[in-house]
Amino acid sequence: MNFTDPQLQKCYDRNLAAAPESSGELRQVGALIAAHDVFRMMEGPHSPRVHEAIEHLLLPTLRPGLRNWYRRPGAEADSAATEFRDQLSQLAGERLEIHAAQPA
């Protein structure tokens, strides 16, 4: 995956190399989310790097991996992760979380 920002590229590459997930899609999504989190913490939510990471997360080619990321067991680890998932869901126009079974 290629980014316009060299610092975002380095952060993504570092996180991708360290990602424990076996699936290529999940490794990419995890590395992107980690890079997003770093730059959001350092630069704030309106950082161009944060926006570029979000743009990549929402690419059609990565959407299946993003869905799978949020449908994994334990994906809702904390409120910040849930809030980011909800933000991505809104931007994507679809629910990315695990769909609970509907009562009969």
PDB file of N, CA and C in Angstrom:
ATOM      1  N   MET A   1       0.849  -1.157   0.000  1.00  0.00           N
ATOM      2  CA  MET A   1       0.000   0.000   0.000  1.00  0.00           C
ATOM      3  C   MET A   1       0.907   1.236   0.000  1.00  0.00           C
ATOM      4  N   ASN A   2       0.552   2.197  -0.815  1.00  0.00           N
ATOM      5  CA  ASN A   2       1.366   3.399  -0.944  1.00  0.00           C
ATOM      6  C   ASN A   2       0.596   4.627  -0.457  1.00  0.00           C
ATOM      7  N   PHE A   3       1.305   5.472   0.267  1.00  0.00           N
ATOM      8  CA  PHE A   3       0.738   6.696   0.822  1.00  0.00           C
ATOM      9  C   PHE A   3       1.472   7.897   0.248  1.00  0.00           C
ATOM     10  N   THR A   4       0.811   9.034   0.237  1.00  0.00           N
ATOM     11  CA  THR A   4       1.458  10.262  -0.226  1.00  0.00           C
ATOM     12  C   THR A   4       2.382  10.826   0.840  1.00  0.00           C
ATOM     13  N   ASP A   5       2.088  10.556   2.105  1.00  0.00           N
ATOM     14  CA  ASP A   5       2.891  11.076   3.203  1.00  0.00           C
ATOM     15  C   ASP A   5       3.959  10.049   3.612  1.00  0.00           C
ATOM     16  N   PRO A   6       5.246  10.434   3.556  1.00  0.00           N
ATOM     17  CA  PRO A   6       6.306   9.472   3.883  1.00  0.00           C
ATOM     18  C   PRO A   6       6.293   9.004   5.341  1.00  0.00           C
ATOM     19  N   GLN A   7       5.895   9.859   6.277  1.00  0.00           N
ATOM     20  CA  GLN A   7       5.839   9.428   7.683  1.00  0.00           C
ATOM     21  C   GLN A   7       4.720   8.423   7.902  1.00  0.00           C
ATOM     22  N   LEU A   8       3.599   8.632   7.256  1.00  0.00           N
ATOM     23  CA  LEU A   8       2.504   7.671   7.337  1.00  0.00           C
ATOM     24  C   LEU A   8       2.936   6.345   6.715  1.00  0.00           C
ATOM     25  N   GLN A   9       3.643   6.403   5.604  1.00  0.00           N
ATOM     26  CA  GLN A   9       4.134   5.186   4.952  1.00  0.00           C
ATOM     27  C   GLN A   9       5.053   4.396   5.886  1.00  0.00           C
ATOM     28  N   LYS A  10       5.987   5.083   6.545  1.00  0.00           N
ATOM     29  CA  LYS A  10       6.916   4.408   7.460  1.00  0.00           C
ATOM     30  C   LYS A  10       6.177   3.790   8.635  1.00  0.00           C
ATOM     31  N   CYS A  11       5.238   4.519   9.199  1.00  0.00           N
ATOM     32  CA  CYS A  11       4.468   4.014  10.332  1.00  0.00           C
ATOM     33  C   CYS A  11       3.644   2.791   9.920  1.00  0.00           C
ATOM     34  N   TYR A  12       3.001   2.871   8.778  1.00  0.00           N
ATOM     35  CA  TYR A  12       2.217   1.744   8.269  1.00  0.00           C
ATOM     36  C   TYR A  12       3.121   0.525   8.034  1.00  0.00           C
ATOM     37  N   ASP A  13       4.250   0.737   7.360  1.00  0.00           N
ATOM     38  CA  ASP A  13       5.159  -0.373   7.061  1.00  0.00           C
ATOM     39  C   ASP A  13       5.666  -1.044   8.340  1.00  0.00           C
ATOM     40  N   ARG A  14       5.983  -0.231   9.346  1.00  0.00           N
ATOM     41  CA  ARG A  14       6.462  -0.757  10.632  1.00  0.00           C
ATOM     42  C   ARG A  14       5.369  -1.595  11.300  1.00  0.00           C
ATOM     43  N   ASN A  15       4.144  -1.080  11.291  1.00  0.00           N
ATOM     44  CA  ASN A  15       3.037  -1.818  11.904  1.00  0.00           C
ATOM     45  C   ASN A  15       2.671  -3.066  11.116  1.00  0.00           C
ATOM     46  N   LEU A  16       2.783  -3.001   9.807  1.00  0.00           N
ATOM     47  CA  LEU A  16       2.490  -4.170   8.978  1.00  0.00           C
ATOM     48  C   LEU A  16       3.479  -5.289   9.267  1.00  0.00           C
ATOM     49  N   ALA A  17       4.750  -4.933   9.406  1.00  0.00           N
ATOM     50  CA  ALA A  17       5.774  -5.948   9.694  1.00  0.00           C
ATOM     51  C   ALA A  17       5.563  -6.595  11.062  1.00  0.00           C
ATOM     52  N   ALA A  18       5.010  -5.842  11.996  1.00  0.00           N
ATOM     53  CA  ALA A  18       4.809  -6.348  13.355  1.00  0.00           C
ATOM     54  C   ALA A  18       3.445  -6.997  13.564  1.00  0.00           C
ATOM     55  N   ALA A  19       2.569  -6.943  12.567  1.00  0.00           N
ATOM     56  CA  ALA A  19       1.196  -7.448  12.714  1.00  0.00           C
ATOM     57  C   ALA A  19       1.178  -8.964  12.859  1.00  0.00           C
ATOM     58  N   PRO A  20       0.498  -9.470  13.900  1.00  0.00           N
ATOM     59  CA  PRO A  20       0.462 -10.913  14.119  1.00  0.00           C
ATOM     60  C   PRO A  20      -0.594 -11.649  13.290  1.00  0.00           C
ATOM     61  N   GLU A  21      -1.543 -10.938  12.708  1.00  0.00           N
ATOM     62  CA  GLU A  21      -2.613 -11.594  11.965  1.00  0.00           C
ATOM     63  C   GLU A  21      -2.044 -12.348  10.765  1.00  0.00           C
ATOM     64  N   SER A  22      -2.645 -13.475  10.460  1.00  0.00           N
ATOM     65  CA  SER A  22      -2.155 -14.271   9.344  1.00  0.00           C
ATOM     66  C   SER A  22      -2.732 -13.813   8.008  1.00  0.00           C
ATOM     67  N   SER A  23      -3.940 -13.297   8.007  1.00  0.00           N
ATOM     68  CA  SER A  23      -4.580 -12.854   6.778  1.00  0.00           C
ATOM     69  C   SER A  23      -3.970 -11.542   6.302  1.00  0.00           C
ATOM     70  N   GLY A  24      -3.683 -11.454   5.018  1.00  0.00           N
ATOM     71  CA  GLY A  24      -3.130 -10.226   4.453  1.00  0.00           C
ATOM     72  C   GLY A  24      -4.044  -9.036   4.650  1.00  0.00           C
ATOM     73  N   GLU A  25      -5.352  -9.256   4.471  1.00  0.00           N
ATOM     74  CA  GLU A  25      -6.319  -8.166   4.652  1.00  0.00           C
ATOM     75  C   GLU A  25      -6.325  -7.671   6.092  1.00  0.00           C
ATOM     76  N   LEU A  26      -6.344  -8.600   7.041  1.00  0.00           N
ATOM     77  CA  LEU A  26      -6.383  -8.201   8.446  1.00  0.00           C
ATOM     78  C   LEU A  26      -5.083  -7.522   8.867  1.00  0.00           C
ATOM     79  N   ARG A  27      -3.969  -7.967   8.319  1.00  0.00           N
ATOM     80  CA  ARG A  27      -2.689  -7.317   8.627  1.00  0.00           C
ATOM     81  C   ARG A  27      -2.690  -5.882   8.122  1.00  0.00           C
ATOM     82  N   GLN A  28      -3.200  -5.669   6.916  1.00  0.00           N
ATOM     83  CA  GLN A  28      -3.257  -4.320   6.356  1.00  0.00           C
ATOM     84  C   GLN A  28      -4.173  -3.423   7.179  1.00  0.00           C
ATOM     85  N   VAL A  29      -5.340  -3.913   7.512  1.00  0.00           N
ATOM     86  CA  VAL A  29      -6.294  -3.127   8.294  1.00  0.00           C
ATOM     87  C   VAL A  29      -5.707  -2.811   9.669  1.00  0.00           C
ATOM     88  N   GLY A  30      -5.129  -3.792  10.312  1.00  0.00           N
ATOM     89  CA  GLY A  30      -4.530  -3.568  11.624  1.00  0.00           C
ATOM     90  C   GLY A  30      -3.407  -2.551  11.580  1.00  0.00           C
ATOM     91  N   ALA A  31      -2.565  -2.628  10.554  1.00  0.00           N
ATOM     92  CA  ALA A  31      -1.459  -1.676  10.404  1.00  0.00           C
ATOM     93  C   ALA A  31      -1.989  -0.274  10.126  1.00  0.00           C
ATOM     94  N   LEU A  32      -3.035  -0.172   9.328  1.00  0.00           N
ATOM     95  CA  LEU A  32      -3.643   1.134   9.046  1.00  0.00           C
ATOM     96  C   LEU A  32      -4.291   1.740  10.282  1.00  0.00           C
ATOM     97  N   ILE A  33      -4.998   0.933  11.038  1.00  0.00           N
ATOM     98  CA  ILE A  33      -5.630   1.431  12.253  1.00  0.00           C
ATOM     99  C   ILE A  33      -4.568   1.868  13.259  1.00  0.00           C
ATOM    100  N   ALA A  34      -3.501   1.094  13.383  1.00  0.00           N
ATOM    101  CA  ALA A  34      -2.423   1.476  14.294  1.00  0.00           C
ATOM    102  C   ALA A  34      -1.778   2.791  13.868  1.00  0.00           C
ATOM    103  N   ALA A  35      -1.531   2.971  12.571  1.00  0.00           N
ATOM    104  CA  ALA A  35      -0.956   4.223  12.069  1.00  0.00           C
ATOM    105  C   ALA A  35      -1.931   5.376  12.310  1.00  0.00           C
ATOM    106  N   HIS A  36      -3.194   5.149  12.046  1.00  0.00           N
ATOM    107  CA  HIS A  36      -4.225   6.163  12.317  1.00  0.00           C
ATOM    108  C   HIS A  36      -4.171   6.583  13.778  1.00  0.00           C
ATOM    109  N   ASP A  37      -4.124   5.609  14.677  1.00  0.00           N
ATOM    110  CA  ASP A  37      -4.140   5.897  16.105  1.00  0.00           C
ATOM    111  C   ASP A  37      -2.924   6.715  16.537  1.00  0.00           C
ATOM    112  N   VAL A  38      -1.759   6.386  15.985  1.00  0.00           N
ATOM    113  CA  VAL A  38      -0.529   7.121  16.320  1.00  0.00           C
ATOM    114  C   VAL A  38      -0.656   8.583  15.920  1.00  0.00           C
ATOM    115  N   PHE A  39      -1.048   8.829  14.686  1.00  0.00           N
ATOM    116  CA  PHE A  39      -1.113  10.209  14.203  1.00  0.00           C
ATOM    117  C   PHE A  39      -2.296  10.972  14.795  1.00  0.00           C
ATOM    118  N   ARG A  40      -3.360  10.279  15.127  1.00  0.00           N
ATOM    119  CA  ARG A  40      -4.482  10.955  15.785  1.00  0.00           C
ATOM    120  C   ARG A  40      -4.057  11.411  17.171  1.00  0.00           C
ATOM    121  N   MET A  41      -3.314  10.574  17.857  1.00  0.00           N
ATOM    122  CA  MET A  41      -2.843  10.928  19.189  1.00  0.00           C
ATOM    123  C   MET A  41      -1.818  12.072  19.132  1.00  0.00           C
ATOM    124  N   MET A  42      -0.922  12.026  18.164  1.00  0.00           N
ATOM    125  CA  MET A  42       0.145  13.030  18.067  1.00  0.00           C
ATOM    126  C   MET A  42      -0.322  14.340  17.442  1.00  0.00           C
ATOM    127  N   GLU A  43      -1.215  14.257  16.455  1.00  0.00           N
ATOM    128  CA  GLU A  43      -1.552  15.437  15.653  1.00  0.00           C
ATOM    129  C   GLU A  43      -3.015  15.849  15.728  1.00  0.00           C
ATOM    130  N   GLY A  44      -3.852  15.012  16.297  1.00  0.00           N
ATOM    131  CA  GLY A  44      -5.265  15.325  16.396  1.00  0.00           C
ATOM    132  C   GLY A  44      -6.083  14.742  15.256  1.00  0.00           C
ATOM    133  N   PRO A  45      -7.400  14.769  15.397  1.00  0.00           N
ATOM    134  CA  PRO A  45      -8.279  14.111  14.433  1.00  0.00           C
ATOM    135  C   PRO A  45      -8.336  14.777  13.063  1.00  0.00           C
ATOM    136  N   HIS A  46      -7.863  16.004  12.943  1.00  0.00           N
ATOM    137  CA  HIS A  46      -7.938  16.709  11.663  1.00  0.00           C
ATOM    138  C   HIS A  46      -6.618  16.694  10.902  1.00  0.00           C
ATOM    139  N   SER A  47      -5.686  15.876  11.364  1.00  0.00           N
ATOM    140  CA  SER A  47      -4.394  15.745  10.709  1.00  0.00           C
ATOM    141  C   SER A  47      -4.557  15.168   9.298  1.00  0.00           C
ATOM    142  N   PRO A  48      -3.809  15.693   8.329  1.00  0.00           N
ATOM    143  CA  PRO A  48      -3.853  15.101   6.984  1.00  0.00           C
ATOM    144  C   PRO A  48      -3.457  13.622   6.985  1.00  0.00           C
ATOM    145  N   ARG A  49      -2.552  13.234   7.865  1.00  0.00           N
ATOM    146  CA  ARG A  49      -2.151  11.820   7.943  1.00  0.00           C
ATOM    147  C   ARG A  49      -3.307  10.953   8.442  1.00  0.00           C
ATOM    148  N   VAL A  50      -4.050  11.462   9.406  1.00  0.00           N
ATOM    149  CA  VAL A  50      -5.213  10.745   9.921  1.00  0.00           C
ATOM    150  C   VAL A  50      -6.244  10.572   8.804  1.00  0.00           C
ATOM    151  N   HIS A  51      -6.479  11.637   8.057  1.00  0.00           N
ATOM    152  CA  HIS A  51      -7.459  11.565   6.964  1.00  0.00           C
ATOM    153  C   HIS A  51      -6.998  10.615   5.862  1.00  0.00           C
ATOM    154  N   GLU A  52      -5.711  10.606   5.565  1.00  0.00           N
ATOM    155  CA  GLU A  52      -5.215   9.691   4.534  1.00  0.00           C
ATOM    156  C   GLU A  52      -5.359   8.239   4.986  1.00  0.00           C
ATOM    157  N   ALA A  53      -5.090   7.969   6.263  1.00  0.00           N
ATOM    158  CA  ALA A  53      -5.264   6.605   6.771  1.00  0.00           C
ATOM    159  C   ALA A  53      -6.722   6.176   6.658  1.00  0.00           C
ATOM    160  N   ILE A  54      -7.641   7.072   7.007  1.00  0.00           N
ATOM    161  CA  ILE A  54      -9.069   6.759   6.900  1.00  0.00           C
ATOM    162  C   ILE A  54      -9.459   6.517   5.445  1.00  0.00           C
ATOM    163  N   GLU A  55      -8.952   7.337   4.541  1.00  0.00           N
ATOM    164  CA  GLU A  55      -9.258   7.145   3.111  1.00  0.00           C
ATOM    165  C   GLU A  55      -8.839   5.757   2.656  1.00  0.00           C
ATOM    166  N   HIS A  56      -7.670   5.306   3.075  1.00  0.00           N
ATOM    167  CA  HIS A  56      -7.208   3.975   2.683  1.00  0.00           C
ATOM    168  C   HIS A  56      -8.064   2.877   3.319  1.00  0.00           C
ATOM    169  N   LEU A  57      -8.451   3.073   4.587  1.00  0.00           N
ATOM    170  CA  LEU A  57      -9.304   2.075   5.239  1.00  0.00           C
ATOM    171  C   LEU A  57     -10.629   1.899   4.509  1.00  0.00           C
ATOM    172  N   LEU A  58     -11.109   2.962   3.894  1.00  0.00           N
ATOM    173  CA  LEU A  58     -12.417   2.916   3.230  1.00  0.00           C
ATOM    174  C   LEU A  58     -12.352   2.548   1.751  1.00  0.00           C
ATOM    175  N   LEU A  59     -11.165   2.255   1.243  1.00  0.00           N
ATOM    176  CA  LEU A  59     -11.045   1.862  -0.159  1.00  0.00           C
ATOM    177  C   LEU A  59     -11.857   0.592  -0.424  1.00  0.00           C
ATOM    178  N   PRO A  60     -12.516   0.510  -1.564  1.00  0.00           N
ATOM    179  CA  PRO A  60     -13.308  -0.692  -1.875  1.00  0.00           C
ATOM    180  C   PRO A  60     -12.495  -1.982  -1.801  1.00  0.00           C
ATOM    181  N   THR A  61     -11.234  -1.948  -2.183  1.00  0.00           N
ATOM    182  CA  THR A  61     -10.423  -3.163  -2.156  1.00  0.00           C
ATOM    183  C   THR A  61     -10.112  -3.635  -0.734  1.00  0.00           C
ATOM    184  N   LEU A  62     -10.154  -2.724   0.221  1.00  0.00           N
ATOM    185  CA  LEU A  62      -9.857  -3.083   1.603  1.00  0.00           C
ATOM    186  C   LEU A  62     -11.126  -3.283   2.441  1.00  0.00           C
ATOM    187  N   ARG A  63     -12.276  -2.972   1.885  1.00  0.00           N
ATOM    188  CA  ARG A  63     -13.538  -3.047   2.637  1.00  0.00           C
ATOM    189  C   ARG A  63     -13.807  -4.442   3.207  1.00  0.00           C
ATOM    190  N   PRO A  64     -13.587  -5.538   2.456  1.00  0.00           N
ATOM    191  CA  PRO A  64     -13.817  -6.860   3.062  1.00  0.00           C
ATOM    192  C   PRO A  64     -12.934  -7.088   4.290  1.00  0.00           C
ATOM    193  N   GLY A  65     -11.687  -6.650   4.233  1.00  0.00           N
ATOM    194  CA  GLY A  65     -10.800  -6.787   5.387  1.00  0.00           C
ATOM    195  C   GLY A  65     -11.256  -5.942   6.555  1.00  0.00           C
ATOM    196  N   LEU A  66     -11.779  -4.756   6.268  1.00  0.00           N
ATOM    197  CA  LEU A  66     -12.289  -3.881   7.322  1.00  0.00           C
ATOM    198  C   LEU A  66     -13.507  -4.516   7.995  1.00  0.00           C
ATOM    199  N   ARG A  67     -14.386  -5.099   7.188  1.00  0.00           N
ATOM    200  CA  ARG A  67     -15.548  -5.797   7.756  1.00  0.00           C
ATOM    201  C   ARG A  67     -15.086  -6.936   8.662  1.00  0.00           C
ATOM    202  N   ASN A  68     -14.148  -7.734   8.155  1.00  0.00           N
ATOM    203  CA  ASN A  68     -13.652  -8.867   8.934  1.00  0.00           C
ATOM    204  C   ASN A  68     -12.958  -8.409  10.210  1.00  0.00           C
ATOM    205  N   TRP A  69     -12.249  -7.294  10.157  1.00  0.00           N
ATOM    206  CA  TRP A  69     -11.559  -6.759  11.327  1.00  0.00           C
ATOM    207  C   TRP A  69     -12.558  -6.492  12.458  1.00  0.00           C
ATOM    208  N   TYR A  70     -13.657  -5.851  12.120  1.00  0.00           N
ATOM    209  CA  TYR A  70     -14.634  -5.493  13.139  1.00  0.00           C
ATOM    210  C   TYR A  70     -15.590  -6.615  13.485  1.00  0.00           C
ATOM    211  N   ARG A  71     -15.546  -7.699  12.761  1.00  0.00           N
ATOM    212  CA  ARG A  71     -16.404  -8.843  13.060  1.00  0.00           C
ATOM    213  C   ARG A  71     -15.643  -9.948  13.776  1.00  0.00           C
ATOM    214  N   ARG A  72     -14.373  -9.670  14.109  1.00  0.00           N
ATOM    215  CA  ARG A  72     -13.590 -10.647  14.868  1.00  0.00           C
ATOM    216  C   ARG A  72     -14.062 -10.666  16.315  1.00  0.00           C
ATOM    217  N   PRO A  73     -13.917 -11.791  17.007  1.00  0.00           N
ATOM    218  CA  PRO A  73     -14.216 -11.815  18.440  1.00  0.00           C
ATOM    219  C   PRO A  73     -13.276 -10.843  19.166  1.00  0.00           C
ATOM    220  N   GLY A  74     -13.816 -10.068  20.069  1.00  0.00           N
ATOM    221  CA  GLY A  74     -13.010  -9.136  20.847  1.00  0.00           C
ATOM    222  C   GLY A  74     -12.670  -7.845  20.135  1.00  0.00           C
ATOM    223  N   ALA A  75     -13.306  -7.576  19.004  1.00  0.00           N
ATOM    224  CA  ALA A  75     -12.996  -6.372  18.228  1.00  0.00           C
ATOM    225  C   ALA A  75     -13.391  -5.094  18.963  1.00  0.00           C
ATOM    226  N   GLU A  76     -14.334  -5.186  19.869  1.00  0.00           N
ATOM    227  CA  GLU A  76     -14.772  -4.007  20.618  1.00  0.00           C
ATOM    228  C   GLU A  76     -14.023  -3.951  21.942  1.00  0.00           C
ATOM    229  N   ALA A  77     -12.718  -3.724  21.875  1.00  0.00           N
ATOM    230  CA  ALA A  77     -11.857  -3.766  23.049  1.00  0.00           C
ATOM    231  C   ALA A  77     -12.085  -2.602  24.001  1.00  0.00           C
ATOM    232  N   ASP A  78     -12.339  -1.426  23.478  1.00  0.00           N
ATOM    233  CA  ASP A  78     -12.526  -0.259  24.341  1.00  0.00           C
ATOM    234  C   ASP A  78     -13.411   0.766  23.654  1.00  0.00           C
ATOM    235  N   SER A  79     -13.741   1.810  24.385  1.00  0.00           N
ATOM    236  CA  SER A  79     -14.667   2.803  23.848  1.00  0.00           C
ATOM    237  C   SER A  79     -14.078   3.562  22.666  1.00  0.00           C
ATOM    238  N   ALA A  80     -12.762   3.806  22.668  1.00  0.00           N
ATOM    239  CA  ALA A  80     -12.134   4.511  21.538  1.00  0.00           C
ATOM    240  C   ALA A  80     -12.224   3.673  20.267  1.00  0.00           C
ATOM    241  N   ALA A  81     -12.000   2.370  20.396  1.00  0.00           N
ATOM    242  CA  ALA A  81     -12.100   1.479  19.233  1.00  0.00           C
ATOM    243  C   ALA A  81     -13.535   1.433  18.715  1.00  0.00           C
ATOM    244  N   THR A  82     -14.488   1.397  19.631  1.00  0.00           N
ATOM    245  CA  THR A  82     -15.900   1.380  19.242  1.00  0.00           C
ATOM    246  C   THR A  82     -16.288   2.685  18.560  1.00  0.00           C
ATOM    247  N   GLU A  83     -15.804   3.793  19.092  1.00  0.00           N
ATOM    248  CA  GLU A  83     -16.094   5.100  18.498  1.00  0.00           C
ATOM    249  C   GLU A  83     -15.515   5.206  17.088  1.00  0.00           C
ATOM    250  N   PHE A  84     -14.285   4.710  16.900  1.00  0.00           N
ATOM    251  CA  PHE A  84     -13.666   4.753  15.576  1.00  0.00           C
ATOM    252  C   PHE A  84     -14.418   3.844  14.613  1.00  0.00           C
ATOM    253  N   ARG A  85     -14.827   2.672  15.080  1.00  0.00           N
ATOM    254  CA  ARG A  85     -15.621   1.768  14.242  1.00  0.00           C
ATOM    255  C   ARG A  85     -16.904   2.440  13.799  1.00  0.00           C
ATOM    256  N   ASP A  86     -17.562   3.127  14.729  1.00  0.00           N
ATOM    257  CA  ASP A  86     -18.804   3.819  14.387  1.00  0.00           C
ATOM    258  C   ASP A  86     -18.565   4.934  13.368  1.00  0.00           C
ATOM    259  N   GLN A  87     -17.451   5.644  13.523  1.00  0.00           N
ATOM    260  CA  GLN A  87     -17.100   6.702  12.565  1.00  0.00           C
ATOM    261  C   GLN A  87     -16.880   6.104  11.175  1.00  0.00           C
ATOM    262  N   LEU A  88     -16.115   5.007  11.112  1.00  0.00           N
ATOM    263  CA  LEU A  88     -15.869   4.357   9.826  1.00  0.00           C
ATOM    264  C   LEU A  88     -17.161   3.801   9.234  1.00  0.00           C
ATOM    265  N   SER A  89     -18.019   3.251  10.077  1.00  0.00           N
ATOM    266  CA  SER A  89     -19.306   2.726   9.603  1.00  0.00           C
ATOM    267  C   SER A  89     -20.126   3.832   8.956  1.00  0.00           C
ATOM    268  N   GLN A  90     -20.153   4.984   9.608  1.00  0.00           N
ATOM    269  CA  GLN A  90     -20.907   6.106   9.066  1.00  0.00           C
ATOM    270  C   GLN A  90     -20.316   6.557   7.732  1.00  0.00           C
ATOM    271  N   LEU A  91     -19.003   6.675   7.654  1.00  0.00           N
ATOM    272  CA  LEU A  91     -18.349   7.102   6.416  1.00  0.00           C
ATOM    273  C   LEU A  91     -18.529   6.073   5.302  1.00  0.00           C
ATOM    274  N   ALA A  92     -18.522   4.790   5.679  1.00  0.00           N
ATOM    275  CA  ALA A  92     -18.660   3.717   4.694  1.00  0.00           C
ATOM    276  C   ALA A  92     -20.107   3.509   4.265  1.00  0.00           C
ATOM    277  N   GLY A  93     -21.033   3.967   5.092  1.00  0.00           N
ATOM    278  CA  GLY A  93     -22.445   3.764   4.778  1.00  0.00           C
ATOM    279  C   GLY A  93     -22.915   2.351   5.056  1.00  0.00           C
ATOM    280  N   GLU A  94     -22.237   1.667   5.967  1.00  0.00           N
ATOM    281  CA  GLU A  94     -22.644   0.313   6.340  1.00  0.00           C
ATOM    282  C   GLU A  94     -22.175   0.009   7.755  1.00  0.00           C
ATOM    283  N   ARG A  95     -22.833  -0.933   8.402  1.00  0.00           N
ATOM    284  CA  ARG A  95     -22.423  -1.354   9.745  1.00  0.00           C
ATOM    285  C   ARG A  95     -21.278  -2.331   9.615  1.00  0.00           C
ATOM    286  N   LEU A  96     -20.176  -2.020  10.285  1.00  0.00           N
ATOM    287  CA  LEU A  96     -18.989  -2.863  10.189  1.00  0.00           C
ATOM    288  C   LEU A  96     -18.864  -3.847  11.341  1.00  0.00           C
ATOM    289  N   GLU A  97     -19.687  -3.686  12.378  1.00  0.00           N
ATOM    290  CA  GLU A  97     -19.565  -4.535  13.555  1.00  0.00           C
ATOM    291  C   GLU A  97     -20.259  -5.873  13.358  1.00  0.00           C
ATOM    292  N   ILE A  98     -20.072  -6.742  14.349  1.00  0.00           N
ATOM    293  CA  ILE A  98     -20.739  -8.039  14.353  1.00  0.00           C
ATOM    294  C   ILE A  98     -22.227  -7.811  14.492  1.00  0.00           C
ATOM    295  N   HIS A  99     -22.987  -8.444  13.641  1.00  0.00           N
ATOM    296  CA  HIS A  99     -24.440  -8.304  13.694  1.00  0.00           C
ATOM    297  C   HIS A  99     -24.989  -9.321  14.694  1.00  0.00           C
ATOM    298  N   ALA A 100     -25.614  -8.822  15.738  1.00  0.00           N
ATOM    299  CA  ALA A 100     -26.205  -9.705  16.748  1.00  0.00           C
ATOM    300  C   ALA A 100     -27.413 -10.426  16.155  1.00  0.00           C
ATOM    301  N   ALA A 101     -27.628 -11.617  16.642  1.00  0.00           N
ATOM    302  CA  ALA A 101     -28.794 -12.383  16.171  1.00  0.00           C
ATOM    303  C   ALA A 101     -30.063 -11.681  16.628  1.00  0.00           C
ATOM    304  N   GLN A 102     -31.010 -11.610  15.743  1.00  0.00           N
ATOM    305  CA  GLN A 102     -32.280 -10.967  16.041  1.00  0.00           C
ATOM    306  C   GLN A 102     -33.174 -11.968  16.802  1.00  0.00           C
ATOM    307  N   PRO A 103     -33.893 -11.507  17.841  1.00  0.00           N
ATOM    308  CA  PRO A 103     -34.790 -12.414  18.550  1.00  0.00           C
ATOM    309  C   PRO A 103     -35.933 -12.882  17.655  1.00  0.00           C
ATOM    310  N   ALA A 104     -36.352 -14.081  17.870  1.00  0.00           N
ATOM    311  CA  ALA A 104     -37.424 -14.661  17.039  1.00  0.00           C
ATOM    312  C   ALA A 104     -38.778 -14.174  17.424  1.00  0.00           C
TER     313      ALA A 104
END
